Protein backbone atom coordinates (compact mmCIF):
# COMPACT_ATOMS: atom_id res chain seq x y z
CA MET A 1 -33.54 66.69 119.22
CA LYS A 2 -33.73 70.63 118.51
CA LEU A 3 -31.73 72.20 115.80
CA SER A 4 -30.29 75.08 116.32
CA LYS A 5 -30.99 78.59 114.81
CA TYR A 6 -27.73 78.89 113.13
CA ALA A 7 -27.99 74.96 111.53
CA GLU A 8 -28.40 76.10 108.34
CA PHE A 9 -26.11 79.00 108.38
CA ASP A 10 -23.56 76.37 109.25
CA ASP A 11 -24.45 74.34 106.76
CA LEU A 12 -24.33 77.04 104.11
CA LEU A 13 -20.67 78.03 105.62
CA ILE A 14 -19.46 74.38 105.32
CA HIS A 15 -20.76 74.16 101.79
CA ILE A 16 -18.84 77.62 100.88
CA ILE A 17 -15.98 76.45 102.77
CA LYS A 18 -15.90 73.44 100.23
CA SER A 19 -16.90 75.69 97.35
CA GLY A 20 -13.61 77.09 97.59
CA ARG A 21 -14.68 80.59 99.36
CA ASN A 22 -12.24 79.87 102.31
CA THR A 23 -10.86 83.50 103.29
CA PHE A 24 -13.42 85.61 105.73
CA THR A 25 -13.90 87.79 103.29
CA THR A 26 -14.94 85.67 100.25
CA MET A 27 -17.15 83.87 102.63
CA GLN A 28 -19.21 87.47 102.64
CA THR A 29 -21.54 87.07 99.86
CA GLN A 30 -24.96 88.59 99.31
CA GLN A 31 -27.11 85.87 99.84
CA MET A 32 -24.69 84.96 103.46
CA THR A 33 -24.05 88.73 104.34
CA GLU A 34 -28.64 88.61 104.50
CA ARG A 35 -28.80 85.42 106.40
CA ALA A 36 -26.11 86.93 108.90
CA SER A 37 -28.49 89.99 109.03
CA SER A 38 -31.17 87.86 110.31
CA LEU A 39 -29.66 86.36 112.83
CA ALA A 40 -27.71 89.04 113.90
CA THR A 41 -29.14 91.90 117.19
CA ALA A 42 -28.36 95.26 116.64
CA ASP A 43 -25.71 96.58 118.98
CA ARG A 44 -26.25 99.86 121.44
CA PHE A 45 -26.09 102.05 118.29
CA GLY A 46 -28.64 100.29 116.64
CA ARG A 47 -26.53 98.69 113.91
CA LYS A 48 -26.43 94.96 112.83
CA LEU A 49 -22.43 93.84 112.60
CA GLU A 50 -23.03 90.80 110.02
CA PHE A 51 -19.20 90.28 110.47
CA ARG A 52 -19.51 89.37 114.10
CA VAL A 53 -22.17 86.39 113.03
CA PHE A 54 -19.73 84.99 110.64
CA ASP A 55 -16.89 85.09 113.53
CA ARG A 56 -18.75 83.47 115.90
CA ARG A 57 -19.95 80.64 113.56
CA LEU A 58 -16.28 80.50 112.20
CA GLN A 59 -15.56 79.94 115.75
CA ALA A 60 -18.24 77.51 116.70
CA LEU A 61 -17.65 75.07 114.21
CA SER A 62 -13.79 74.90 114.58
CA LYS A 63 -14.52 74.06 118.30
CA ALA A 64 -16.98 71.45 117.24
CA GLY A 65 -13.92 70.38 115.06
CA LYS A 66 -15.79 70.11 111.88
CA ILE A 67 -13.65 73.02 110.29
CA ARG A 68 -10.08 74.74 111.06
CA PHE A 69 -7.96 77.59 110.34
CA LYS A 70 -4.81 77.08 108.92
CA GLY A 71 -2.43 78.80 106.83
CA GLY A 72 -4.80 81.76 106.22
CA VAL A 73 -7.41 79.98 104.89
CA TRP A 74 -10.35 78.19 106.53
CA SER A 75 -11.15 74.32 105.76
CA VAL A 76 -13.31 71.66 106.45
CA VAL A 77 -12.29 68.59 108.83
CA GLU A 78 -12.26 65.49 106.26
CA GLU A 79 -14.53 63.86 109.61
CA ALA A 80 -16.94 66.34 108.70
CA LYS A 81 -17.23 66.21 105.13
CA GLU A 82 -20.13 64.79 103.52
């Protein structure tokens, strides 16, 4: 089975949420922003918008049932906790 190019980023996002950094702003640590930058593609003005990578991956993990957003914070779904 081929792993997504986002697999490592997704795992780190889940780890960060478990550690208590569960709002969009607090998740954007320097390490995560650097990783997001390596995954981001430039827009038509040549800017890399790392926050879009965060947003897309949070939505993908939510759709997959691994995390959820409730009460203004993200949390890991019990079945997805490892």
